[in-house]
């Protein structure tokens, strides 16, 4: 059905292959972050699921590797909630020791720190370590990242650690308990970078439509407006517009009308649970945020909590500054 739907709407490639969409804000983020990486320190890029964090960082990494003035390292560990300093050292050593013959990664403290400094001095280049999904990293690990930066800096080396994560990462770094690292982290937010969403939808379609086919030939202005008002991130827009195309193809309906968009948008798209999840707060994290039992938290999220605790929970939700209306 995917191929038939694409042919029905005159697409020469799926929406997911449209390429890199860049606004003025994207360009500012790129310039600022790429420039600061060369100076050393800790940086955080935050944004909701599908906001374009990984895409932007991939572009920066590609450029840094191409230029060759900075050694690019990446932490590939998938379980970020159990990520430790030891694992981060392993990532650094893997990427720094590729040209070293029979190099063995040190596993004990003191030795690993000294070996890292020796390697960095040998290559005489700044090092940039990228860590994705960083919103799940434990606070203790974040605090120890600061110590690594301080150690290598005291030896005349430059290390940048770039954390990418959902808004939860920025909120965690802003708490009083994390003040020690928060004062040293520069935070960049990408959520608003896409700008005008109707414009983005038009760009998206133009990248994928066959020559001489116009966006208005396959979707009405009203339907585009409905998508733009209901959705937030580029990933959401790609996903639900693709779903709308598939449904419209099955119905033989072209251009796509607003009622098709309404049918594919899920009812709880902007529920409290969904908004929190997009910002990195899965259910266990919500319980921790609220200081609630799973039963209390579930009742609150479902709108069934009537005790005085509801007001307390609402205050905590508003304090993280990610939800405009609850």
Protein backbone atom coordinates (compact mmCIF):
# COMPACT_ATOMS: atom_id res chain seq x y z
CA UNK A 1 0.00 0.00 0.00
CA UNK A 2 2.90 2.37 0.67
CA UNK A 3 4.08 2.36 -2.93
CA UNK A 4 0.55 2.64 -4.33
CA UNK A 5 -0.27 5.56 -2.02
CA UNK A 6 2.92 7.36 -3.06
CA UNK A 7 2.05 6.87 -6.71
CA UNK A 8 -1.53 8.03 -6.11
CA UNK A 9 -0.23 11.30 -4.67
CA UNK A 10 2.62 11.66 -7.19
CA UNK A 11 5.41 11.31 -4.63
CA UNK A 12 8.82 10.35 -5.96
CA UNK A 13 10.06 9.44 -2.47
CA UNK A 14 8.62 9.00 1.05
CA UNK A 15 8.24 12.03 3.28
CA UNK A 16 10.86 10.59 5.63
CA UNK A 17 13.47 11.09 2.89
CA UNK A 18 12.76 14.80 2.31
CA UNK A 19 16.17 15.87 3.57
CA UNK A 20 17.33 18.53 6.00
CA UNK A 21 14.96 21.40 6.76
CA UNK A 22 16.76 24.46 8.04
CA UNK A 23 15.40 27.73 9.37
CA UNK A 24 17.31 30.79 10.57
CA UNK A 25 17.03 29.46 14.12
CA UNK A 26 18.49 26.11 13.06
CA UNK A 27 21.42 27.97 11.50
CA UNK A 28 21.97 29.98 14.69
CA UNK A 29 21.91 26.84 16.81
CA UNK A 30 24.35 25.17 14.45
CA UNK A 31 26.79 28.10 14.44
CA UNK A 32 26.67 28.66 18.20
CA UNK A 33 26.96 25.02 19.21
CA UNK A 34 29.63 24.12 16.65
CA UNK A 35 31.66 27.19 17.59
CA UNK A 36 31.49 26.59 21.34
CA UNK A 37 32.44 22.92 20.98
CA UNK A 38 35.92 24.06 19.97
CA UNK A 39 36.38 25.85 23.31
CA UNK A 40 35.59 22.90 25.61
CA UNK A 41 32.88 22.47 28.23
CA UNK A 42 29.48 20.83 28.65
CA UNK A 43 26.60 21.66 26.33
CA UNK A 44 23.02 20.40 26.23
CA UNK A 45 20.69 20.39 23.23
CA UNK A 46 17.11 19.78 24.32
CA UNK A 47 13.92 19.20 22.40
CA UNK A 48 10.86 16.99 22.27
CA UNK A 49 10.74 13.65 20.48
CA UNK A 50 11.07 14.31 16.76
CA UNK A 51 12.16 17.94 17.07
CA UNK A 52 15.38 17.40 15.09
CA UNK A 53 18.06 17.13 17.82
CA UNK A 54 19.75 14.05 16.38
CA UNK A 55 19.65 15.45 12.85
CA UNK A 56 21.29 18.71 13.90
CA UNK A 57 23.98 16.94 15.92
CA UNK A 58 24.66 14.53 13.05
CA UNK A 59 25.27 17.53 10.80
CA UNK A 60 27.68 19.01 13.34
CA UNK A 61 29.52 15.71 13.77
CA UNK A 62 29.83 15.26 10.01
CA UNK A 63 31.29 18.75 9.60
CA UNK A 64 33.71 18.33 12.49
CA UNK A 65 34.99 15.04 11.09
CA UNK A 66 35.36 16.57 7.63
CA UNK A 67 37.31 19.55 8.96
CA UNK A 68 39.58 17.28 11.02
CA UNK A 69 40.44 19.84 13.68
CA UNK A 70 38.47 18.07 16.42
CA UNK A 71 38.34 14.39 17.35
CA UNK A 72 34.69 13.28 17.42
CA UNK A 73 33.67 10.63 19.93
CA UNK A 74 30.24 9.11 20.57
CA UNK A 75 28.72 7.14 23.40
CA UNK A 76 26.71 4.36 21.75
CA UNK A 77 25.42 2.75 24.96
CA UNK A 78 21.65 2.36 24.62
CA UNK A 79 20.68 2.12 28.30
CA UNK A 80 21.33 5.70 29.32
CA UNK A 81 19.64 5.31 32.71
CA UNK A 82 22.52 2.99 33.71
CA UNK A 83 25.26 4.95 31.94
CA UNK A 84 28.26 5.40 34.18
CA UNK A 85 31.48 7.35 34.02
CA UNK A 86 33.28 4.07 33.36
CA UNK A 87 31.18 3.57 30.20
CA UNK A 88 31.88 7.13 29.08
CA UNK A 89 35.61 6.57 29.50
CA UNK A 90 35.31 3.44 27.35
CA UNK A 91 33.66 5.50 24.58
CA UNK A 92 36.42 8.11 24.73
CA UNK A 93 39.20 5.51 24.67
CA UNK A 94 37.63 3.58 21.79
CA UNK A 95 37.57 6.69 19.60
CA UNK A 96 40.90 8.11 20.73
CA UNK A 97 42.92 4.89 20.51
CA UNK A 98 41.94 3.70 17.03
CA UNK A 99 45.43 4.45 15.72
CA UNK A 100 47.17 2.97 18.75
CA UNK A 101 48.58 -0.52 18.33
CA UNK A 102 47.59 -3.06 21.01
CA UNK A 103 46.07 -0.35 23.19
CA UNK A 104 44.24 -1.69 26.22
CA UNK A 105 41.50 0.42 27.76
CA UNK A 106 42.30 1.03 31.44
CA UNK A 107 39.54 -0.06 33.79
CA UNK A 108 40.66 1.50 37.05
CA UNK A 109 40.32 5.05 38.26
CA UNK A 110 43.40 7.30 38.30
CA UNK A 111 45.05 5.25 35.55
CA UNK A 112 42.24 5.88 33.07
CA UNK A 113 42.28 9.62 33.77
CA UNK A 114 46.03 9.78 33.26
CA UNK A 115 45.90 7.68 30.09
CA UNK A 116 43.15 9.91 28.68
CA UNK A 117 45.28 13.00 29.21
CA UNK A 118 48.29 11.29 27.60
CA UNK A 119 46.24 10.44 24.50
CA UNK A 120 44.73 13.90 24.22
CA UNK A 121 48.13 15.54 24.51
CA UNK A 122 49.55 13.16 21.92
CA UNK A 123 47.00 14.09 19.25
CA UNK A 124 47.01 17.78 20.19
CA UNK A 125 43.37 18.23 19.22
CA UNK A 126 40.21 19.10 21.14
CA UNK A 127 37.85 16.18 21.68
CA UNK A 128 34.04 16.33 21.38
CA UNK A 129 32.02 13.53 22.99
CA UNK A 130 28.36 13.28 21.91
CA UNK A 131 25.80 11.56 24.15
CA UNK A 132 22.24 11.15 22.85
CA UNK A 133 19.14 10.35 24.93
CA UNK A 134 20.89 12.10 27.81
CA UNK A 135 17.64 12.91 29.65
CA UNK A 136 17.86 9.42 31.19
CA UNK A 137 21.38 9.85 32.60
CA UNK A 138 21.56 9.70 36.39
CA UNK A 139 22.37 12.93 38.20
CA UNK A 140 25.54 11.46 39.74
CA UNK A 141 26.89 10.69 36.28
CA UNK A 142 26.14 14.23 35.10
CA UNK A 143 28.05 15.66 38.04
CA UNK A 144 31.05 13.45 37.26
CA UNK A 145 31.10 14.70 33.67
CA UNK A 146 31.98 18.09 35.09
CA UNK A 147 34.94 16.56 36.90
CA UNK A 148 36.29 15.00 33.67
CA UNK A 149 36.16 18.40 31.98
CA UNK A 150 38.02 19.98 34.89
CA UNK A 151 40.73 17.32 34.94
CA UNK A 152 41.60 17.54 31.24
CA UNK A 153 41.33 21.32 31.26
CA UNK A 154 43.86 21.57 34.09
CA UNK A 155 46.31 19.73 31.83
CA UNK A 156 45.85 22.14 28.96
CA UNK A 157 43.50 19.89 26.95
CA UNK A 158 40.05 20.72 25.60
CA UNK A 159 37.15 18.32 25.97
CA UNK A 160 33.55 19.10 25.05
CA UNK A 161 30.67 16.89 26.14
CA UNK A 162 27.49 17.43 24.15
CA UNK A 163 24.32 16.06 25.72
CA UNK A 164 21.18 15.67 23.62
CA UNK A 165 17.87 14.89 25.25
CA UNK A 166 14.24 15.72 25.82
CA UNK A 167 13.24 18.86 27.80
CA UNK A 168 13.51 16.73 30.95
CA UNK A 169 17.29 17.08 30.60
CA UNK A 170 17.12 20.87 30.80
CA UNK A 171 14.68 20.69 33.70
CA UNK A 172 16.92 18.27 35.60
CA UNK A 173 19.92 20.52 35.13
CA UNK A 174 17.93 23.47 36.48
CA UNK A 175 17.15 21.92 39.87
CA UNK A 176 18.87 23.12 43.03
CA UNK A 177 20.53 19.73 43.54
CA UNK A 178 22.23 20.06 40.14
CA UNK A 179 23.42 23.62 40.64
CA UNK A 180 27.06 22.50 40.66
CA UNK A 181 26.86 21.41 37.03
CA UNK A 182 24.01 23.67 35.86
CA UNK A 183 26.18 26.76 36.30
CA UNK A 184 28.70 25.23 33.87
CA UNK A 185 26.32 23.89 31.20
CA UNK A 186 25.14 25.92 28.24
CA UNK A 187 21.65 24.78 27.20
CA UNK A 188 20.28 25.12 23.66
CA UNK A 189 16.60 24.51 22.89
CA UNK A 190 15.44 23.32 19.47
CA UNK A 191 11.68 22.95 19.99
CA UNK A 192 10.70 26.24 18.35
CA UNK A 193 13.31 26.09 15.58
CA UNK A 194 10.93 24.69 12.95
CA UNK A 195 9.02 27.99 13.02
CA UNK A 196 5.97 28.25 10.76
CA UNK A 197 4.59 24.71 10.48
CA UNK A 198 2.45 25.41 7.42
CA UNK A 199 5.63 26.53 5.68
CA UNK A 200 7.38 23.36 6.80
CA UNK A 201 4.56 21.19 5.41
CA UNK A 202 4.79 22.99 2.07
CA UNK A 203 8.56 22.46 1.98
CA UNK A 204 8.17 18.80 2.94
CA UNK A 205 5.76 18.11 0.10
CA UNK A 206 7.80 20.02 -2.48
CA UNK A 207 10.86 17.90 -1.68
CA UNK A 208 8.96 14.70 -2.31
CA UNK A 209 6.47 15.51 -5.08
CA UNK A 210 7.12 14.81 -8.72
CA UNK A 211 7.98 17.76 -10.94
CA UNK A 212 5.09 20.10 -11.79
CA UNK A 213 2.89 18.66 -9.01
CA UNK A 214 1.95 21.29 -6.42
CA UNK A 215 1.13 20.74 -2.72
CA UNK A 216 -2.40 22.09 -3.25
CA UNK A 217 -2.96 19.29 -5.77
CA UNK A 218 -2.78 16.70 -3.02
CA UNK A 219 -3.92 18.46 0.18
CA UNK A 220 -6.21 21.42 0.87
CA UNK A 221 -5.10 24.54 2.74
CA UNK A 222 -7.66 23.73 5.45
CA UNK A 223 -6.15 20.29 5.96
CA UNK A 224 -2.64 21.75 6.18
CA UNK A 225 -3.85 24.26 8.76
CA UNK A 226 -5.40 21.45 10.80
CA UNK A 227 -2.13 19.48 10.77
CA UNK A 228 -0.12 22.54 11.75
CA UNK A 229 -2.43 23.46 14.63
CA UNK A 230 -2.64 19.93 16.05
CA UNK A 231 0.99 18.87 15.76
CA UNK A 232 4.25 20.13 17.19
CA UNK A 233 7.32 18.44 15.77
CA UNK A 234 8.53 17.65 12.22
CA UNK A 235 8.41 13.93 13.04
CA UNK A 236 4.75 14.17 14.05
CA UNK A 237 3.91 16.03 10.86
CA UNK A 238 5.66 13.47 8.65
CA UNK A 239 3.95 10.60 10.46
CA UNK A 240 0.38 11.90 10.44
CA UNK A 241 0.58 13.31 6.93
CA UNK A 242 1.74 9.89 5.73
CA UNK A 243 -1.16 8.25 7.57
CA UNK A 244 -3.57 10.73 5.96
CA UNK A 245 -2.20 9.88 2.51
CA UNK A 246 -2.72 6.17 3.11
CA UNK A 247 -6.30 6.67 4.30
CA UNK A 248 -7.13 9.05 1.45
CA UNK A 249 -5.66 6.57 -1.04
CA UNK A 250 -7.87 3.80 0.34
CA UNK A 251 -10.89 6.08 -0.02
CA UNK A 252 -9.79 7.32 -3.44
CA UNK A 253 -9.95 10.88 -2.11
CA UNK A 254 -7.67 13.59 -3.51
CA UNK A 255 -6.81 16.24 -2.47
CA UNK A 256 -6.72 15.33 1.22
CA UNK A 257 -9.51 17.07 3.12
CA UNK A 258 -9.59 18.26 6.74
CA UNK A 259 -11.91 15.40 7.76
CA UNK A 260 -9.23 12.89 6.70
CA UNK A 261 -6.74 14.64 8.99
CA UNK A 262 -9.26 14.51 11.84
CA UNK A 263 -9.69 10.77 11.34
CA UNK A 264 -5.98 9.95 11.55
CA UNK A 265 -5.20 12.16 14.56
CA UNK A 266 -5.44 10.00 17.67
CA UNK A 267 -7.88 11.24 20.38
CA UNK A 268 -5.30 11.51 23.19
CA UNK A 269 -2.66 13.18 20.99
CA UNK A 270 -2.36 16.13 23.37
CA UNK A 271 -3.26 14.43 26.62
CA UNK A 272 -1.18 15.18 29.68
CA UNK A 273 0.48 11.77 29.49
CA UNK A 274 1.42 12.32 25.83
CA UNK A 275 2.82 15.80 26.47
CA UNK A 276 4.93 14.53 29.35
CA UNK A 277 6.20 11.55 27.36
CA UNK A 278 7.32 13.80 24.48
CA UNK A 279 9.33 15.80 26.97
CA UNK A 280 11.08 12.73 28.35
CA UNK A 281 8.83 11.95 31.30
CA UNK A 282 7.80 8.32 31.02
CA UNK A 283 5.52 6.97 33.73
CA UNK A 284 8.25 6.13 36.26
CA UNK A 285 9.74 9.60 35.78
CA UNK A 286 6.30 11.16 36.28
CA UNK A 287 5.96 9.31 39.60
CA UNK A 288 9.37 10.65 40.67
CA UNK A 289 8.49 14.18 39.54
CA UNK A 290 5.22 14.19 41.47
CA UNK A 291 6.49 12.25 44.46
CA UNK A 292 3.48 10.01 43.95
CA UNK A 293 2.66 6.34 44.09
CA UNK A 294 1.92 4.70 40.72
CA UNK A 295 -1.77 4.55 41.68
CA UNK A 296 -1.90 8.27 42.51
CA UNK A 297 0.04 9.25 39.41
CA UNK A 298 -2.22 7.17 37.14
CA UNK A 299 -5.36 8.69 38.67
CA UNK A 300 -3.91 12.18 38.20
CA UNK A 301 -2.95 11.59 34.56
CA UNK A 302 -6.40 10.16 33.86
CA UNK A 303 -8.09 13.19 35.42
CA UNK A 304 -9.64 11.12 38.20
CA UNK A 305 -7.70 12.42 41.20
CA UNK A 306 -9.93 14.54 43.43
CA UNK A 307 -7.87 14.77 46.62
CA UNK A 308 -5.94 17.93 47.63
CA UNK A 309 -2.88 16.24 46.14
CA UNK A 310 -4.19 17.21 42.69
CA UNK A 311 -3.35 20.88 43.28
CA UNK A 312 0.09 19.90 44.54
CA UNK A 313 0.69 17.78 41.42
CA UNK A 314 -0.51 20.58 39.13
CA UNK A 315 2.00 22.96 40.67
CA UNK A 316 4.82 20.47 40.07
CA UNK A 317 3.73 19.97 36.45
CA UNK A 318 3.67 23.72 35.80
CA UNK A 319 7.06 24.13 37.46
CA UNK A 320 8.83 22.16 34.74
CA UNK A 321 7.66 24.70 32.15
CA UNK A 322 6.84 22.32 29.32
CA UNK A 323 3.07 22.37 29.30
CA UNK A 324 1.12 25.53 28.59
CA UNK A 325 -2.27 24.25 29.69
CA UNK A 326 -3.18 21.41 32.07
